[in-house]
Amino acid sequence: MARSWNDVKADKADRDSSAGRDMPQAREDARHRTHAYILDHRRGLTPGTPKGGLRRGDRPSAR
């Protein structure tokens, strides 16, 4: 029989707390990293791309 979602969440919370993880802080950090990545992507500043972003002809699939 499959475990309920609540049982899975409770087990994960137990593992996280026993490992000393601060999950609310980890979620907030991940949220900030995600928002920063999205903003940089919209500005054309994703890692590994020039400041102006990629043009259609710069992509290998467009060749």
PDB file of N, CA and C in Angstrom:
ATOM      1  N   MET A   1       0.843  -1.182   0.000  1.00  0.00           N
ATOM      2  CA  MET A   1       0.000   0.000   0.000  1.00  0.00           C
ATOM      3  C   MET A   1       0.885   1.241   0.000  1.00  0.00           C
ATOM      4  N   ALA A   2       0.503   2.223  -0.750  1.00  0.00           N
ATOM      5  CA  ALA A   2       1.280   3.456  -0.872  1.00  0.00           C
ATOM      6  C   ALA A   2       1.150   4.306   0.390  1.00  0.00           C
ATOM      7  N   ARG A   3       2.205   5.052   0.660  1.00  0.00           N
ATOM      8  CA  ARG A   3       2.189   5.956   1.816  1.00  0.00           C
ATOM      9  C   ARG A   3       1.465   7.237   1.446  1.00  0.00           C
ATOM     10  N   SER A   4       0.839   7.835   2.432  1.00  0.00           N
ATOM     11  CA  SER A   4       0.151   9.097   2.163  1.00  0.00           C
ATOM     12  C   SER A   4       1.178  10.222   2.038  1.00  0.00           C
ATOM     13  N   TRP A   5       0.775  11.287   1.365  1.00  0.00           N
ATOM     14  CA  TRP A   5       1.645  12.443   1.184  1.00  0.00           C
ATOM     15  C   TRP A   5       2.002  13.053   2.533  1.00  0.00           C
ATOM     16  N   ASN A   6       1.066  13.054   3.467  1.00  0.00           N
ATOM     17  CA  ASN A   6       1.337  13.616   4.791  1.00  0.00           C
ATOM     18  C   ASN A   6       2.396  12.810   5.531  1.00  0.00           C
ATOM     19  N   ASP A   7       2.386  11.478   5.362  1.00  0.00           N
ATOM     20  CA  ASP A   7       3.417  10.645   5.987  1.00  0.00           C
ATOM     21  C   ASP A   7       4.789  10.939   5.390  1.00  0.00           C
ATOM     22  N   VAL A   8       4.838  11.100   4.083  1.00  0.00           N
ATOM     23  CA  VAL A   8       6.105  11.400   3.406  1.00  0.00           C
ATOM     24  C   VAL A   8       6.640  12.744   3.884  1.00  0.00           C
ATOM     25  N   LYS A   9       5.767  13.769   3.952  1.00  0.00           N
ATOM     26  CA  LYS A   9       6.186  15.090   4.414  1.00  0.00           C
ATOM     27  C   LYS A   9       6.667  15.046   5.861  1.00  0.00           C
ATOM     28  N   ALA A  10       5.984  14.284   6.706  1.00  0.00           N
ATOM     29  CA  ALA A  10       6.380  14.186   8.112  1.00  0.00           C
ATOM     30  C   ALA A  10       7.746  13.519   8.238  1.00  0.00           C
ATOM     31  N   ASP A  11       7.986  12.469   7.456  1.00  0.00           N
ATOM     32  CA  ASP A  11       9.291  11.799   7.493  1.00  0.00           C
ATOM     33  C   ASP A  11      10.399  12.731   7.016  1.00  0.00           C
ATOM     34  N   LYS A  12      10.127  13.503   5.972  1.00  0.00           N
ATOM     35  CA  LYS A  12      11.135  14.443   5.479  1.00  0.00           C
ATOM     36  C   LYS A  12      11.416  15.520   6.512  1.00  0.00           C
ATOM     37  N   ALA A  13      10.391  16.020   7.163  1.00  0.00           N
ATOM     38  CA  ALA A  13      10.581  17.031   8.207  1.00  0.00           C
ATOM     39  C   ALA A  13      11.420  16.469   9.347  1.00  0.00           C
ATOM     40  N   ASP A  14      11.184  15.210   9.710  1.00  0.00           N
ATOM     41  CA  ASP A  14      11.986  14.571  10.762  1.00  0.00           C
ATOM     42  C   ASP A  14      13.445  14.455  10.342  1.00  0.00           C
ATOM     43  N   ARG A  15      13.689  14.031   9.094  1.00  0.00           N
ATOM     44  CA  ARG A  15      15.072  13.904   8.618  1.00  0.00           C
ATOM     45  C   ARG A  15      15.766  15.258   8.569  1.00  0.00           C
ATOM     46  N   ASP A  16      15.059  16.269   8.093  1.00  0.00           N
ATOM     47  CA  ASP A  16      15.645  17.606   7.999  1.00  0.00           C
ATOM     48  C   ASP A  16      15.983  18.160   9.376  1.00  0.00           C
ATOM     49  N   SER A  17      15.076  17.997  10.321  1.00  0.00           N
ATOM     50  CA  SER A  17      15.335  18.541  11.660  1.00  0.00           C
ATOM     51  C   SER A  17      16.448  17.776  12.357  1.00  0.00           C
ATOM     52  N   SER A  18      16.524  16.459  12.152  1.00  0.00           N
ATOM     53  CA  SER A  18      17.597  15.695  12.790  1.00  0.00           C
ATOM     54  C   SER A  18      18.957  16.013  12.166  1.00  0.00           C
ATOM     55  N   ALA A  19      18.962  16.456  10.906  1.00  0.00           N
ATOM     56  CA  ALA A  19      20.209  16.835  10.237  1.00  0.00           C
ATOM     57  C   ALA A  19      20.580  18.284  10.529  1.00  0.00           C
ATOM     58  N   GLY A  20      19.714  18.998  11.245  1.00  0.00           N
ATOM     59  CA  GLY A  20      20.011  20.377  11.613  1.00  0.00           C
ATOM     60  C   GLY A  20      19.730  21.387  10.514  1.00  0.00           C
ATOM     61  N   ARG A  21      18.886  21.030   9.560  1.00  0.00           N
ATOM     62  CA  ARG A  21      18.568  21.951   8.471  1.00  0.00           C
ATOM     63  C   ARG A  21      17.482  22.927   8.905  1.00  0.00           C
ATOM     64  N   ASP A  22      17.668  24.188   8.545  1.00  0.00           N
ATOM     65  CA  ASP A  22      16.662  25.217   8.792  1.00  0.00           C
ATOM     66  C   ASP A  22      15.871  25.376   7.499  1.00  0.00           C
ATOM     67  N   MET A  23      14.802  24.627   7.356  1.00  0.00           N
ATOM     68  CA  MET A  23      14.069  24.592   6.096  1.00  0.00           C
ATOM     69  C   MET A  23      13.411  25.917   5.725  1.00  0.00           C
ATOM     70  N   PRO A  24      12.814  26.658   6.647  1.00  0.00           N
ATOM     71  CA  PRO A  24      12.270  27.957   6.226  1.00  0.00           C
ATOM     72  C   PRO A  24      13.354  28.875   5.651  1.00  0.00           C
ATOM     73  N   GLN A  25      14.529  28.877   6.255  1.00  0.00           N
ATOM     74  CA  GLN A  25      15.627  29.702   5.745  1.00  0.00           C
ATOM     75  C   GLN A  25      16.116  29.169   4.400  1.00  0.00           C
ATOM     76  N   ALA A  26      16.187  27.853   4.251  1.00  0.00           N
ATOM     77  CA  ALA A  26      16.618  27.264   2.985  1.00  0.00           C
ATOM     78  C   ALA A  26      15.634  27.601   1.869  1.00  0.00           C
ATOM     79  N   ARG A  27      14.335  27.574   2.176  1.00  0.00           N
ATOM     80  CA  ARG A  27      13.333  27.931   1.167  1.00  0.00           C
ATOM     81  C   ARG A  27      13.454  29.398   0.770  1.00  0.00           C
ATOM     82  N   GLU A  28      13.674  30.262   1.753  1.00  0.00           N
ATOM     83  CA  GLU A  28      13.819  31.687   1.457  1.00  0.00           C
ATOM     84  C   GLU A  28      15.053  31.940   0.590  1.00  0.00           C
ATOM     85  N   ASP A  29      16.167  31.277   0.922  1.00  0.00           N
ATOM     86  CA  ASP A  29      17.382  31.421   0.115  1.00  0.00           C
ATOM     87  C   ASP A  29      17.147  30.952  -1.323  1.00  0.00           C
ATOM     88  N   ALA A  30      16.471  29.816  -1.470  1.00  0.00           N
ATOM     89  CA  ALA A  30      16.188  29.296  -2.810  1.00  0.00           C
ATOM     90  C   ALA A  30      15.276  30.245  -3.575  1.00  0.00           C
ATOM     91  N   ARG A  31      14.303  30.823  -2.892  1.00  0.00           N
ATOM     92  CA  ARG A  31      13.397  31.775  -3.534  1.00  0.00           C
ATOM     93  C   ARG A  31      14.169  32.992  -4.040  1.00  0.00           C
ATOM     94  N   HIS A  32      15.099  33.503  -3.223  1.00  0.00           N
ATOM     95  CA  HIS A  32      15.899  34.660  -3.632  1.00  0.00           C
ATOM     96  C   HIS A  32      16.802  34.318  -4.820  1.00  0.00           C
ATOM     97  N   ARG A  33      17.415  33.130  -4.797  1.00  0.00           N
ATOM     98  CA  ARG A  33      18.265  32.722  -5.920  1.00  0.00           C
ATOM     99  C   ARG A  33      17.446  32.594  -7.201  1.00  0.00           C
ATOM    100  N   THR A  34      16.247  32.024  -7.086  1.00  0.00           N
ATOM    101  CA  THR A  34      15.392  31.862  -8.258  1.00  0.00           C
ATOM    102  C   THR A  34      14.970  33.213  -8.818  1.00  0.00           C
ATOM    103  N   HIS A  35      14.565  34.127  -7.949  1.00  0.00           N
ATOM    104  CA  HIS A  35      14.152  35.455  -8.410  1.00  0.00           C
ATOM    105  C   HIS A  35      15.316  36.187  -9.071  1.00  0.00           C
ATOM    106  N   ALA A  36      16.509  36.087  -8.489  1.00  0.00           N
ATOM    107  CA  ALA A  36      17.677  36.746  -9.074  1.00  0.00           C
ATOM    108  C   ALA A  36      17.996  36.154 -10.446  1.00  0.00           C
ATOM    109  N   TYR A  37      17.886  34.841 -10.576  1.00  0.00           N
ATOM    110  CA  TYR A  37      18.160  34.197 -11.859  1.00  0.00           C
ATOM    111  C   TYR A  37      17.157  34.659 -12.911  1.00  0.00           C
ATOM    112  N   ILE A  38      15.877  34.730 -12.532  1.00  0.00           N
ATOM    113  CA  ILE A  38      14.843  35.160 -13.477  1.00  0.00           C
ATOM    114  C   ILE A  38      15.080  36.601 -13.909  1.00  0.00           C
ATOM    115  N   LEU A  39      15.383  37.479 -12.957  1.00  0.00           N
ATOM    116  CA  LEU A  39      15.636  38.877 -13.307  1.00  0.00           C
ATOM    117  C   LEU A  39      16.849  39.009 -14.214  1.00  0.00           C
ATOM    118  N   ASP A  40      17.926  38.277 -13.901  1.00  0.00           N
ATOM    119  CA  ASP A  40      19.117  38.320 -14.750  1.00  0.00           C
ATOM    120  C   ASP A  40      18.805  37.792 -16.146  1.00  0.00           C
ATOM    121  N   HIS A  41      18.002  36.745 -16.218  1.00  0.00           N
ATOM    122  CA  HIS A  41      17.644  36.180 -17.518  1.00  0.00           C
ATOM    123  C   HIS A  41      16.859  37.198 -18.342  1.00  0.00           C
ATOM    124  N   ARG A  42      15.940  37.896 -17.703  1.00  0.00           N
ATOM    125  CA  ARG A  42      15.153  38.906 -18.418  1.00  0.00           C
ATOM    126  C   ARG A  42      16.022  40.064 -18.886  1.00  0.00           C
ATOM    127  N   ARG A  43      17.091  40.341 -18.153  1.00  0.00           N
ATOM    128  CA  ARG A  43      17.999  41.427 -18.528  1.00  0.00           C
ATOM    129  C   ARG A  43      19.075  40.955 -19.498  1.00  0.00           C
ATOM    130  N   GLY A  44      19.129  39.668 -19.774  1.00  0.00           N
ATOM    131  CA  GLY A  44      20.135  39.128 -20.675  1.00  0.00           C
ATOM    132  C   GLY A  44      21.459  38.895 -19.994  1.00  0.00           C
ATOM    133  N   LEU A  45      21.448  38.679 -18.669  1.00  0.00           N
ATOM    134  CA  LEU A  45      22.694  38.520 -17.920  1.00  0.00           C
ATOM    135  C   LEU A  45      22.865  37.109 -17.380  1.00  0.00           C
ATOM    136  N   THR A  46      22.341  36.107 -18.049  1.00  0.00           N
ATOM    137  CA  THR A  46      22.490  34.749 -17.556  1.00  0.00           C
ATOM    138  C   THR A  46      23.953  34.351 -17.601  1.00  0.00           C
ATOM    139  N   PRO A  47      24.384  33.478 -16.703  1.00  0.00           N
ATOM    140  CA  PRO A  47      25.800  33.091 -16.665  1.00  0.00           C
ATOM    141  C   PRO A  47      26.263  32.519 -17.999  1.00  0.00           C
ATOM    142  N   GLY A  48      27.419  32.947 -18.424  1.00  0.00           N
ATOM    143  CA  GLY A  48      28.005  32.422 -19.647  1.00  0.00           C
ATOM    144  C   GLY A  48      27.555  33.121 -20.915  1.00  0.00           C
ATOM    145  N   THR A  49      26.759  34.172 -20.786  1.00  0.00           N
ATOM    146  CA  THR A  49      26.331  34.907 -21.972  1.00  0.00           C
ATOM    147  C   THR A  49      26.873  36.321 -21.897  1.00  0.00           C
ATOM    148  N   PRO A  50      27.091  36.951 -23.036  1.00  0.00           N
ATOM    149  CA  PRO A  50      27.528  38.345 -23.011  1.00  0.00           C
ATOM    150  C   PRO A  50      26.438  39.233 -22.425  1.00  0.00           C
ATOM    151  N   LYS A  51      26.788  40.450 -22.070  1.00  0.00           N
ATOM    152  CA  LYS A  51      25.844  41.336 -21.398  1.00  0.00           C
ATOM    153  C   LYS A  51      24.568  41.540 -22.208  1.00  0.00           C
ATOM    154  N   GLY A  52      24.660  41.574 -23.489  1.00  0.00           N
ATOM    155  CA  GLY A  52      23.481  41.791 -24.317  1.00  0.00           C
ATOM    156  C   GLY A  52      22.632  40.555 -24.519  1.00  0.00           C
ATOM    157  N   GLY A  53      23.058  39.423 -24.018  1.00  0.00           N
ATOM    158  CA  GLY A  53      22.314  38.186 -24.219  1.00  0.00           C
ATOM    159  C   GLY A  53      22.652  37.556 -25.559  1.00  0.00           C
ATOM    160  N   LEU A  54      21.982  36.494 -25.869  1.00  0.00           N
ATOM    161  CA  LEU A  54      22.222  35.784 -27.121  1.00  0.00           C
ATOM    162  C   LEU A  54      21.274  36.279 -28.199  1.00  0.00           C
ATOM    163  N   ARG A  55      21.810  36.378 -29.403  1.00  0.00           N
ATOM    164  CA  ARG A  55      20.962  36.667 -30.549  1.00  0.00           C
ATOM    165  C   ARG A  55      20.587  35.339 -31.188  1.00  0.00           C
ATOM    166  N   ARG A  56      19.589  35.375 -32.042  1.00  0.00           N
ATOM    167  CA  ARG A  56      19.124  34.142 -32.667  1.00  0.00           C
ATOM    168  C   ARG A  56      20.258  33.423 -33.404  1.00  0.00           C
ATOM    169  N   GLY A  57      21.114  34.144 -34.099  1.00  0.00           N
ATOM    170  CA  GLY A  57      22.199  33.530 -34.847  1.00  0.00           C
ATOM    171  C   GLY A  57      23.323  32.992 -33.982  1.00  0.00           C
ATOM    172  N   ASP A  58      23.354  33.366 -32.694  1.00  0.00           N
ATOM    173  CA  ASP A  58      24.405  32.897 -31.797  1.00  0.00           C
ATOM    174  C   ASP A  58      24.143  31.492 -31.276  1.00  0.00           C
ATOM    175  N   ARG A  59      22.907  31.037 -31.370  1.00  0.00           N
ATOM    176  CA  ARG A  59      22.581  29.718 -30.835  1.00  0.00           C
ATOM    177  C   ARG A  59      23.031  28.633 -31.801  1.00  0.00           C
ATOM    178  N   PRO A  60      23.658  27.570 -31.298  1.00  0.00           N
ATOM    179  CA  PRO A  60      24.107  26.499 -32.192  1.00  0.00           C
ATOM    180  C   PRO A  60      22.957  25.867 -32.969  1.00  0.00           C
ATOM    181  N   SER A  61      21.763  25.801 -32.387  1.00  0.00           N
ATOM    182  CA  SER A  61      20.643  25.157 -33.071  1.00  0.00           C
ATOM    183  C   SER A  61      20.142  25.981 -34.253  1.00  0.00           C
ATOM    184  N   ALA A  62      20.493  27.267 -34.293  1.00  0.00           N
ATOM    185  CA  ALA A  62      20.025  28.137 -35.376  1.00  0.00           C
ATOM    186  C   ALA A  62      20.915  28.036 -36.607  1.00  0.00           C
ATOM    187  N   ARG A  63      22.030  27.375 -36.496  1.00  0.00           N
ATOM    188  CA  ARG A  63      22.965  27.276 -37.626  1.00  0.00           C
ATOM    189  C   ARG A  63      22.627  26.135 -38.527  1.00  0.00           C
TER     190      ARG A  63
END
